[in-house]
Amino acid sequence: MQTRKLDDTITVSHQIAIEDVQAIRDQGFTLLMCNRPDGEDPGQPNWADVQAAAEAVGLKTAFLPVSSREDAIAMREPFLVEMAAADGPVFAYCRTGTRCEILWTLSNS
C-alpha cells in the first residue's frame, strides 16, 4: 500500500485490496473510510466487501464517496462527524488518495 500520513489523526491511501484490511487494523487504525464510489474501475473491490472485511477485524467503517467537487463540498460535514467520532487514527482511501486529502483539507479550512 502506498500511504501518506496527513497528520496524527489520518493517513490516506490509493485503492486498497480486501487483503490489506488486516494490516490496516494491525497498524493501529480504528476507522476505515472509503471516499471512492463503487464501480469506478473494473476489478475495484466494492465497498460492501471491504466493509465486511473491516468489521470482521474490528474496524469501524465509513463510506463517503466523492466523484466531483460538489460531492467533496457536500461530504465536508459528514467527514468532520466521522473524524470527530473516531476512537483513534483514521485510514482513508480512494483511487489515489487525492479525494481523501481534499476532504481533509476542506475540513481544516
C-alpha atoms as a PDB file:
ATOM      1  CA  MET A   1       0.000   0.000   0.000  1.00  0.00           C
ATOM      2  CA  GLN A   2       1.113   3.498  -0.769  1.00  0.00           C
ATOM      3  CA  THR A   3       0.142   5.671   2.182  1.00  0.00           C
ATOM      4  CA  ARG A   4       0.552   9.296   3.163  1.00  0.00           C
ATOM      5  CA  LYS A   5       0.159  10.453   6.760  1.00  0.00           C
ATOM      6  CA  LEU A   6      -1.543  13.858   6.721  1.00  0.00           C
ATOM      7  CA  ASP A   7      -1.411  14.335  10.497  1.00  0.00           C
ATOM      8  CA  ASP A   8      -1.695  12.237  13.651  1.00  0.00           C
ATOM      9  CA  THR A   9      -5.400  11.611  13.019  1.00  0.00           C
ATOM     10  CA  ILE A  10      -5.475  10.468   9.386  1.00  0.00           C
ATOM     11  CA  THR A  11      -3.476   8.565   6.802  1.00  0.00           C
ATOM     12  CA  VAL A  12      -4.637   8.346   3.178  1.00  0.00           C
ATOM     13  CA  SER A  13      -4.012   5.749   0.524  1.00  0.00           C
ATOM     14  CA  HIS A  14      -4.743   4.662  -3.004  1.00  0.00           C
ATOM     15  CA  GLN A  15      -7.268   1.852  -3.540  1.00  0.00           C
ATOM     16  CA  ILE A  16      -6.761  -0.972  -1.067  1.00  0.00           C
ATOM     17  CA  ALA A  17      -7.357  -4.684  -1.552  1.00  0.00           C
ATOM     18  CA  ILE A  18      -9.506  -6.675   0.823  1.00  0.00           C
ATOM     19  CA  GLU A  19      -6.319  -8.472   1.863  1.00  0.00           C
ATOM     20  CA  ASP A  20      -4.947  -5.138   3.170  1.00  0.00           C
ATOM     21  CA  VAL A  21      -7.654  -4.705   5.798  1.00  0.00           C
ATOM     22  CA  GLN A  22      -5.993  -6.819   8.499  1.00  0.00           C
ATOM     23  CA  ALA A  23      -2.689  -4.946   8.060  1.00  0.00           C
ATOM     24  CA  ILE A  24      -4.537  -1.636   8.385  1.00  0.00           C
ATOM     25  CA  ARG A  25      -6.031  -2.809  11.682  1.00  0.00           C
ATOM     26  CA  ASP A  26      -2.659  -4.183  12.826  1.00  0.00           C
ATOM     27  CA  GLN A  27      -1.113  -0.743  12.270  1.00  0.00           C
ATOM     28  CA  GLY A  28      -3.472   0.700  14.884  1.00  0.00           C
ATOM     29  CA  PHE A  29      -6.132   2.328  12.744  1.00  0.00           C
ATOM     30  CA  THR A  30      -9.615   2.311  14.249  1.00  0.00           C
ATOM     31  CA  LEU A  31     -11.721   3.606  11.345  1.00  0.00           C
ATOM     32  CA  LEU A  32     -11.535   2.641   7.670  1.00  0.00           C
ATOM     33  CA  MET A  33     -13.050   5.300   5.419  1.00  0.00           C
ATOM     34  CA  CYS A  34     -13.744   4.914   1.720  1.00  0.00           C
ATOM     35  CA  ASN A  35     -14.029   8.087  -0.348  1.00  0.00           C
ATOM     36  CA  ARG A  36     -14.384   6.275  -3.672  1.00  0.00           C
ATOM     37  CA  PRO A  37     -17.699   5.393  -5.320  1.00  0.00           C
ATOM     38  CA  ASP A  38     -18.222   1.763  -6.237  1.00  0.00           C
ATOM     39  CA  GLY A  39     -17.774   0.860  -9.891  1.00  0.00           C
ATOM     40  CA  GLU A  40     -15.226   3.478 -10.961  1.00  0.00           C
ATOM     41  CA  ASP A  41     -12.841   0.867 -12.352  1.00  0.00           C
ATOM     42  CA  PRO A  42     -13.285  -2.755 -13.377  1.00  0.00           C
ATOM     43  CA  GLY A  43     -11.967  -5.071 -10.687  1.00  0.00           C
ATOM     44  CA  GLN A  44     -12.201  -2.455  -7.927  1.00  0.00           C
ATOM     45  CA  PRO A  45     -13.409  -4.127  -4.723  1.00  0.00           C
ATOM     46  CA  ASN A  46     -16.890  -2.953  -3.855  1.00  0.00           C
ATOM     47  CA  TRP A  47     -17.471  -1.192  -0.576  1.00  0.00           C
ATOM     48  CA  ALA A  48     -19.747  -3.893   0.872  1.00  0.00           C
ATOM     49  CA  ASP A  49     -16.934  -6.464   0.630  1.00  0.00           C
ATOM     50  CA  VAL A  50     -14.307  -4.112   2.090  1.00  0.00           C
ATOM     51  CA  GLN A  51     -16.713  -3.084   4.851  1.00  0.00           C
ATOM     52  CA  ALA A  52     -17.447  -6.704   5.779  1.00  0.00           C
ATOM     53  CA  ALA A  53     -13.721  -7.497   5.969  1.00  0.00           C
ATOM     54  CA  ALA A  54     -13.067  -4.389   8.076  1.00  0.00           C
ATOM     55  CA  GLU A  55     -15.871  -5.047  10.512  1.00  0.00           C
ATOM     56  CA  ALA A  56     -14.755  -8.685  10.827  1.00  0.00           C
ATOM     57  CA  VAL A  57     -11.417  -7.495  12.267  1.00  0.00           C
ATOM     58  CA  GLY A  58     -12.943  -4.834  14.499  1.00  0.00           C
ATOM     59  CA  LEU A  59     -12.557  -1.707  12.387  1.00  0.00           C
ATOM     60  CA  LYS A  60     -15.313   0.862  12.292  1.00  0.00           C
ATOM     61  CA  THR A  61     -16.199   1.949   8.769  1.00  0.00           C
ATOM     62  CA  ALA A  62     -17.429   4.988   6.880  1.00  0.00           C
ATOM     63  CA  PHE A  63     -18.456   5.284   3.228  1.00  0.00           C
ATOM     64  CA  LEU A  64     -18.266   8.887   1.983  1.00  0.00           C
ATOM     65  CA  PRO A  65     -17.909   8.593  -1.804  1.00  0.00           C
ATOM     66  CA  VAL A  66     -16.671  11.613  -3.732  1.00  0.00           C
ATOM     67  CA  SER A  67     -16.667  11.888  -7.506  1.00  0.00           C
ATOM     68  CA  SER A  68     -16.898  15.649  -8.043  1.00  0.00           C
ATOM     69  CA  ARG A  69     -16.116  18.988  -6.438  1.00  0.00           C
ATOM     70  CA  GLU A  70     -19.761  19.260  -5.397  1.00  0.00           C
ATOM     71  CA  ASP A  71     -19.552  15.834  -3.708  1.00  0.00           C
ATOM     72  CA  ALA A  72     -16.454  16.911  -1.807  1.00  0.00           C
ATOM     73  CA  ILE A  73     -18.186  20.036  -0.543  1.00  0.00           C
ATOM     74  CA  ALA A  74     -21.283  18.029   0.414  1.00  0.00           C
ATOM     75  CA  MET A  75     -19.170  15.442   2.254  1.00  0.00           C
ATOM     76  CA  ARG A  76     -17.290  18.014   4.352  1.00  0.00           C
ATOM     77  CA  GLU A  77     -19.717  17.843   7.273  1.00  0.00           C
ATOM     78  CA  PRO A  78     -20.103  14.035   7.245  1.00  0.00           C
ATOM     79  CA  PHE A  79     -16.290  13.801   7.109  1.00  0.00           C
ATOM     80  CA  LEU A  80     -15.982  16.065  10.151  1.00  0.00           C
ATOM     81  CA  VAL A  81     -18.546  13.958  12.020  1.00  0.00           C
ATOM     82  CA  GLU A  82     -16.709  10.711  11.244  1.00  0.00           C
ATOM     83  CA  MET A  83     -13.342  12.183  12.205  1.00  0.00           C
ATOM     84  CA  ALA A  84     -14.723  13.529  15.499  1.00  0.00           C
ATOM     85  CA  ALA A  85     -16.304  10.166  16.349  1.00  0.00           C
ATOM     86  CA  ALA A  86     -13.202   8.104  15.539  1.00  0.00           C
ATOM     87  CA  ASP A  87     -11.666   6.282  18.523  1.00  0.00           C
ATOM     88  CA  GLY A  88      -8.180   6.652  17.080  1.00  0.00           C
ATOM     89  CA  PRO A  89      -6.334   7.071  13.794  1.00  0.00           C
ATOM     90  CA  VAL A  90      -8.329   7.001  10.568  1.00  0.00           C
ATOM     91  CA  PHE A  91      -7.245   5.240   7.373  1.00  0.00           C
ATOM     92  CA  ALA A  92      -8.989   6.733   4.317  1.00  0.00           C
ATOM     93  CA  TYR A  93      -8.690   5.621   0.715  1.00  0.00           C
ATOM     94  CA  CYS A  94      -9.892   6.405  -2.782  1.00  0.00           C
ATOM     95  CA  ARG A  95      -8.313   5.700  -6.185  1.00  0.00           C
ATOM     96  CA  THR A  96      -5.131   7.686  -5.497  1.00  0.00           C
ATOM     97  CA  GLY A  97      -5.669   9.268  -2.065  1.00  0.00           C
ATOM     98  CA  THR A  98      -6.314  12.707  -3.537  1.00  0.00           C
ATOM     99  CA  ARG A  99     -10.038  12.874  -2.753  1.00  0.00           C
ATOM    100  CA  CYS A 100      -9.300  11.862   0.837  1.00  0.00           C
ATOM    101  CA  GLU A 101      -6.767  14.647   1.075  1.00  0.00           C
ATOM    102  CA  ILE A 102      -9.227  17.138  -0.417  1.00  0.00           C
ATOM    103  CA  LEU A 103     -11.806  16.226   2.233  1.00  0.00           C
ATOM    104  CA  TRP A 104      -9.204  16.607   4.961  1.00  0.00           C
ATOM    105  CA  THR A 105      -8.144  19.993   3.564  1.00  0.00           C
ATOM    106  CA  LEU A 106     -11.768  21.166   3.369  1.00  0.00           C
ATOM    107  CA  SER A 107     -12.337  20.087   6.955  1.00  0.00           C
ATOM    108  CA  ASN A 108      -9.390  22.176   8.123  1.00  0.00           C
ATOM    109  CA  SER A 109     -10.477  25.384   6.418  1.00  0.00           C
END
